[in-house]
């Protein structure tokens, strides 16, 4: 049996859900917000990064760069820098909160990351992936879930926490 893209995607969701449980609500929310920023920055700056990296590779002939690779590089760099900045500054929210919300945030973070990576692909690469993975099609098709659901879950959990703290 050879591993498929569907298996990779399922494992990614499971790992991010577990990772969310381990990190706690505050940290996984920070990562989720960092992913939004990474998506916005890589979409806006990915073309510029591709041109810059292409010029560097023309000089050094060390590796081949694609627009997809440049966007993923910018996405990962932005998310990594933002996460490390928060970790080094010591800002964390480790209050005991609902594990259910924390797991949901982890899964939604996985969906946002996968959607972001799929959106950076060219049409041909995306079609090739979709031919081999029906789950990838679903992740991409339901982009509205990955973009809007985290905001809704944050609002709902905040409202429920305010109601429970008033009692």
C-alpha atoms as a PDB file:
ATOM      1  CA  UNK A   1       0.000   0.000   0.000  1.00  0.00           C
ATOM      2  CA  UNK A   2       1.402   3.373  -0.970  1.00  0.00           C
ATOM      3  CA  UNK A   3       0.580   6.466   1.043  1.00  0.00           C
ATOM      4  CA  UNK A   4      -1.840   8.830  -0.645  1.00  0.00           C
ATOM      5  CA  UNK A   5      -2.483  12.534  -0.377  1.00  0.00           C
ATOM      6  CA  UNK A   6      -5.724  11.738   1.443  1.00  0.00           C
ATOM      7  CA  UNK A   7      -3.749   9.922   4.139  1.00  0.00           C
ATOM      8  CA  UNK A   8      -1.347  12.858   4.450  1.00  0.00           C
ATOM      9  CA  UNK A   9      -4.236  15.331   4.760  1.00  0.00           C
ATOM     10  CA  UNK A  10      -6.044  13.218   7.369  1.00  0.00           C
ATOM     11  CA  UNK A  11      -2.832  12.821   9.379  1.00  0.00           C
ATOM     12  CA  UNK A  12      -2.198  16.561   9.156  1.00  0.00           C
ATOM     13  CA  UNK A  13      -5.657  17.328  10.595  1.00  0.00           C
ATOM     14  CA  UNK A  14      -5.192  14.754  13.380  1.00  0.00           C
ATOM     15  CA  UNK A  15      -1.692  15.973  14.247  1.00  0.00           C
ATOM     16  CA  UNK A  16      -2.770  19.625  14.312  1.00  0.00           C
ATOM     17  CA  UNK A  17      -5.789  18.739  16.473  1.00  0.00           C
ATOM     18  CA  UNK A  18      -3.557  16.927  18.974  1.00  0.00           C
ATOM     19  CA  UNK A  19      -0.980  19.718  18.753  1.00  0.00           C
ATOM     20  CA  UNK A  20      -3.752  22.182  19.604  1.00  0.00           C
ATOM     21  CA  UNK A  21      -4.638  20.166  22.711  1.00  0.00           C
ATOM     22  CA  UNK A  22      -1.006  20.117  23.797  1.00  0.00           C
ATOM     23  CA  UNK A  23      -0.370  23.813  23.234  1.00  0.00           C
ATOM     24  CA  UNK A  24      -3.470  25.191  24.867  1.00  0.00           C
ATOM     25  CA  UNK A  25      -6.070  27.615  23.649  1.00  0.00           C
ATOM     26  CA  UNK A  26      -4.048  30.828  23.824  1.00  0.00           C
ATOM     27  CA  UNK A  27      -1.100  29.543  21.852  1.00  0.00           C
ATOM     28  CA  UNK A  28      -3.128  27.736  19.204  1.00  0.00           C
ATOM     29  CA  UNK A  29      -5.217  30.903  18.720  1.00  0.00           C
ATOM     30  CA  UNK A  30      -2.002  32.852  18.203  1.00  0.00           C
ATOM     31  CA  UNK A  31      -0.863  30.325  15.595  1.00  0.00           C
ATOM     32  CA  UNK A  32      -4.255  30.533  13.873  1.00  0.00           C
ATOM     33  CA  UNK A  33      -4.015  34.312  13.678  1.00  0.00           C
ATOM     34  CA  UNK A  34      -0.405  34.028  12.473  1.00  0.00           C
ATOM     35  CA  UNK A  35      -1.628  31.762   9.660  1.00  0.00           C
ATOM     36  CA  UNK A  36      -4.150  34.413   8.583  1.00  0.00           C
ATOM     37  CA  UNK A  37      -1.346  36.977   8.478  1.00  0.00           C
ATOM     38  CA  UNK A  38       0.895  34.528   6.613  1.00  0.00           C
ATOM     39  CA  UNK A  39      -1.828  33.892   4.016  1.00  0.00           C
ATOM     40  CA  UNK A  40      -2.394  37.604   3.475  1.00  0.00           C
ATOM     41  CA  UNK A  41       1.314  38.460   3.264  1.00  0.00           C
ATOM     42  CA  UNK A  42       2.247  35.545   0.990  1.00  0.00           C
ATOM     43  CA  UNK A  43      -0.643  36.296  -1.345  1.00  0.00           C
ATOM     44  CA  UNK A  44       0.387  39.935  -1.553  1.00  0.00           C
ATOM     45  CA  UNK A  45       4.178  39.504  -1.620  1.00  0.00           C
ATOM     46  CA  UNK A  46       4.576  36.047  -3.193  1.00  0.00           C
ATOM     47  CA  UNK A  47       5.102  37.417  -6.713  1.00  0.00           C
ATOM     48  CA  UNK A  48       7.789  39.813  -5.538  1.00  0.00           C
ATOM     49  CA  UNK A  49       9.508  37.041  -3.573  1.00  0.00           C
ATOM     50  CA  UNK A  50       9.406  34.808  -6.659  1.00  0.00           C
ATOM     51  CA  UNK A  51      11.088  37.481  -8.786  1.00  0.00           C
ATOM     52  CA  UNK A  52      13.737  38.100  -6.123  1.00  0.00           C
ATOM     53  CA  UNK A  53      14.456  34.413  -5.531  1.00  0.00           C
ATOM     54  CA  UNK A  54      14.549  33.793  -9.305  1.00  0.00           C
ATOM     55  CA  UNK A  55      17.265  36.429  -9.697  1.00  0.00           C
ATOM     56  CA  UNK A  56      19.290  34.847  -6.895  1.00  0.00           C
ATOM     57  CA  UNK A  57      19.004  31.379  -8.464  1.00  0.00           C
ATOM     58  CA  UNK A  58      20.084  32.755 -11.862  1.00  0.00           C
ATOM     59  CA  UNK A  59      23.312  33.920 -10.240  1.00  0.00           C
ATOM     60  CA  UNK A  60      24.015  30.874  -8.057  1.00  0.00           C
ATOM     61  CA  UNK A  61      22.355  28.114 -10.128  1.00  0.00           C
ATOM     62  CA  UNK A  62      21.812  26.316  -6.818  1.00  0.00           C
ATOM     63  CA  UNK A  63      18.105  25.482  -6.949  1.00  0.00           C
ATOM     64  CA  UNK A  64      14.979  25.990  -9.014  1.00  0.00           C
ATOM     65  CA  UNK A  65      12.290  28.314  -7.712  1.00  0.00           C
ATOM     66  CA  UNK A  66       8.603  28.325  -8.631  1.00  0.00           C
ATOM     67  CA  UNK A  67       5.864  30.805  -7.772  1.00  0.00           C
ATOM     68  CA  UNK A  68       4.313  28.128  -5.556  1.00  0.00           C
ATOM     69  CA  UNK A  69       7.602  27.562  -3.745  1.00  0.00           C
ATOM     70  CA  UNK A  70       8.123  31.286  -3.231  1.00  0.00           C
ATOM     71  CA  UNK A  71       4.624  31.729  -1.762  1.00  0.00           C
ATOM     72  CA  UNK A  72       5.022  28.724   0.548  1.00  0.00           C
ATOM     73  CA  UNK A  73       8.436  30.048   1.627  1.00  0.00           C
ATOM     74  CA  UNK A  74       6.953  33.481   2.464  1.00  0.00           C
ATOM     75  CA  UNK A  75       3.991  31.858   4.264  1.00  0.00           C
ATOM     76  CA  UNK A  76       6.215  29.618   6.398  1.00  0.00           C
ATOM     77  CA  UNK A  77       8.678  32.444   7.091  1.00  0.00           C
ATOM     78  CA  UNK A  78       5.964  34.880   8.214  1.00  0.00           C
ATOM     79  CA  UNK A  79       4.232  32.305  10.426  1.00  0.00           C
ATOM     80  CA  UNK A  80       7.554  31.168  11.911  1.00  0.00           C
ATOM     81  CA  UNK A  81       8.717  34.736  12.624  1.00  0.00           C
ATOM     82  CA  UNK A  82       5.417  35.672  14.255  1.00  0.00           C
ATOM     83  CA  UNK A  83       5.325  32.508  16.384  1.00  0.00           C
ATOM     84  CA  UNK A  84       8.947  32.891  17.476  1.00  0.00           C
ATOM     85  CA  UNK A  85       8.423  36.567  18.276  1.00  0.00           C
ATOM     86  CA  UNK A  86       5.562  35.681  20.628  1.00  0.00           C
ATOM     87  CA  UNK A  87       7.481  32.774  22.182  1.00  0.00           C
ATOM     88  CA  UNK A  88      10.597  34.841  22.808  1.00  0.00           C
ATOM     89  CA  UNK A  89       8.608  37.744  24.241  1.00  0.00           C
ATOM     90  CA  UNK A  90       6.915  35.330  26.638  1.00  0.00           C
ATOM     91  CA  UNK A  91       3.370  36.213  25.656  1.00  0.00           C
ATOM     92  CA  UNK A  92       1.230  33.201  26.276  1.00  0.00           C
ATOM     93  CA  UNK A  93      -2.225  32.486  27.549  1.00  0.00           C
ATOM     94  CA  UNK A  94      -2.124  29.267  29.504  1.00  0.00           C
ATOM     95  CA  UNK A  95      -5.387  29.658  31.398  1.00  0.00           C
ATOM     96  CA  UNK A  96      -7.360  26.444  31.744  1.00  0.00           C
ATOM     97  CA  UNK A  97     -10.028  26.574  29.071  1.00  0.00           C
ATOM     98  CA  UNK A  98     -12.223  24.178  27.207  1.00  0.00           C
ATOM     99  CA  UNK A  99     -10.292  21.370  25.538  1.00  0.00           C
ATOM    100  CA  UNK A 100     -13.033  21.069  22.952  1.00  0.00           C
ATOM    101  CA  UNK A 101     -12.422  24.603  21.675  1.00  0.00           C
ATOM    102  CA  UNK A 102      -8.679  24.019  21.721  1.00  0.00           C
ATOM    103  CA  UNK A 103      -9.036  20.898  19.563  1.00  0.00           C
ATOM    104  CA  UNK A 104     -11.373  22.750  17.196  1.00  0.00           C
ATOM    105  CA  UNK A 105      -8.831  25.551  16.832  1.00  0.00           C
ATOM    106  CA  UNK A 106      -6.124  22.994  16.027  1.00  0.00           C
ATOM    107  CA  UNK A 107      -8.230  21.377  13.295  1.00  0.00           C
ATOM    108  CA  UNK A 108      -9.227  24.763  11.860  1.00  0.00           C
ATOM    109  CA  UNK A 109      -5.563  25.792  11.841  1.00  0.00           C
ATOM    110  CA  UNK A 110      -4.745  22.640   9.850  1.00  0.00           C
ATOM    111  CA  UNK A 111      -7.492  23.457   7.361  1.00  0.00           C
ATOM    112  CA  UNK A 112      -6.278  27.036   6.989  1.00  0.00           C
ATOM    113  CA  UNK A 113      -2.687  25.920   6.439  1.00  0.00           C
ATOM    114  CA  UNK A 114      -3.691  23.297   3.852  1.00  0.00           C
ATOM    115  CA  UNK A 115      -6.029  25.704   2.053  1.00  0.00           C
ATOM    116  CA  UNK A 116      -3.259  28.310   1.988  1.00  0.00           C
ATOM    117  CA  UNK A 117      -0.769  25.878   0.467  1.00  0.00           C
ATOM    118  CA  UNK A 118      -3.315  24.631  -2.087  1.00  0.00           C
ATOM    119  CA  UNK A 119      -4.182  28.211  -3.059  1.00  0.00           C
ATOM    120  CA  UNK A 120      -0.515  28.950  -3.786  1.00  0.00           C
ATOM    121  CA  UNK A 121      -0.341  26.110  -6.312  1.00  0.00           C
ATOM    122  CA  UNK A 122      -0.728  26.821  -9.987  1.00  0.00           C
ATOM    123  CA  UNK A 123      -3.894  25.569 -11.659  1.00  0.00           C
ATOM    124  CA  UNK A 124      -2.121  22.609 -13.269  1.00  0.00           C
ATOM    125  CA  UNK A 125      -0.519  21.450 -10.010  1.00  0.00           C
ATOM    126  CA  UNK A 126      -3.801  21.885  -8.139  1.00  0.00           C
ATOM    127  CA  UNK A 127      -5.696  19.826 -10.743  1.00  0.00           C
ATOM    128  CA  UNK A 128      -3.025  17.094 -10.530  1.00  0.00           C
ATOM    129  CA  UNK A 129      -3.411  17.030  -6.749  1.00  0.00           C
ATOM    130  CA  UNK A 130      -7.205  17.003  -6.970  1.00  0.00           C
ATOM    131  CA  UNK A 131      -7.116  14.048  -9.370  1.00  0.00           C
ATOM    132  CA  UNK A 132      -5.173  12.030  -6.823  1.00  0.00           C
ATOM    133  CA  UNK A 133      -6.947  13.258  -3.665  1.00  0.00           C
ATOM    134  CA  UNK A 134     -10.665  13.727  -3.183  1.00  0.00           C
ATOM    135  CA  UNK A 135     -10.004  15.032   0.330  1.00  0.00           C
ATOM    136  CA  UNK A 136      -7.811  17.822  -1.061  1.00  0.00           C
ATOM    137  CA  UNK A 137     -10.752  18.814  -3.272  1.00  0.00           C
ATOM    138  CA  UNK A 138     -12.965  19.047  -0.189  1.00  0.00           C
ATOM    139  CA  UNK A 139     -10.410  21.073   1.761  1.00  0.00           C
ATOM    140  CA  UNK A 140     -10.097  23.539  -1.121  1.00  0.00           C
ATOM    141  CA  UNK A 141     -13.815  23.554  -1.958  1.00  0.00           C
ATOM    142  CA  UNK A 142     -14.821  24.505   1.580  1.00  0.00           C
ATOM    143  CA  UNK A 143     -12.378  27.391   1.860  1.00  0.00           C
ATOM    144  CA  UNK A 144     -15.074  29.496   3.497  1.00  0.00           C
ATOM    145  CA  UNK A 145     -14.967  27.124   6.498  1.00  0.00           C
ATOM    146  CA  UNK A 146     -11.217  27.629   6.975  1.00  0.00           C
ATOM    147  CA  UNK A 147     -11.456  31.384   6.520  1.00  0.00           C
ATOM    148  CA  UNK A 148     -14.620  32.157   8.527  1.00  0.00           C
ATOM    149  CA  UNK A 149     -15.171  29.315  11.023  1.00  0.00           C
ATOM    150  CA  UNK A 150     -12.230  30.253  13.281  1.00  0.00           C
ATOM    151  CA  UNK A 151     -13.665  33.733  13.709  1.00  0.00           C
ATOM    152  CA  UNK A 152     -17.102  32.320  14.511  1.00  0.00           C
ATOM    153  CA  UNK A 153     -15.673  29.812  17.015  1.00  0.00           C
ATOM    154  CA  UNK A 154     -13.680  32.576  18.742  1.00  0.00           C
ATOM    155  CA  UNK A 155     -16.806  34.757  19.002  1.00  0.00           C
ATOM    156  CA  UNK A 156     -18.979  31.894  20.273  1.00  0.00           C
ATOM    157  CA  UNK A 157     -16.406  30.760  22.843  1.00  0.00           C
ATOM    158  CA  UNK A 158     -15.935  34.350  24.030  1.00  0.00           C
ATOM    159  CA  UNK A 159     -19.688  34.838  24.429  1.00  0.00           C
ATOM    160  CA  UNK A 160     -20.060  31.514  26.264  1.00  0.00           C
ATOM    161  CA  UNK A 161     -17.130  32.358  28.560  1.00  0.00           C
ATOM    162  CA  UNK A 162     -18.657  35.758  29.394  1.00  0.00           C
ATOM    163  CA  UNK A 163     -22.028  34.142  30.184  1.00  0.00           C
ATOM    164  CA  UNK A 164     -20.436  31.488  32.395  1.00  0.00           C
ATOM    165  CA  UNK A 165     -18.295  34.040  34.252  1.00  0.00           C
ATOM    166  CA  UNK A 166     -21.382  36.162  35.079  1.00  0.00           C
ATOM    167  CA  UNK A 167     -23.001  33.245  36.922  1.00  0.00           C
END
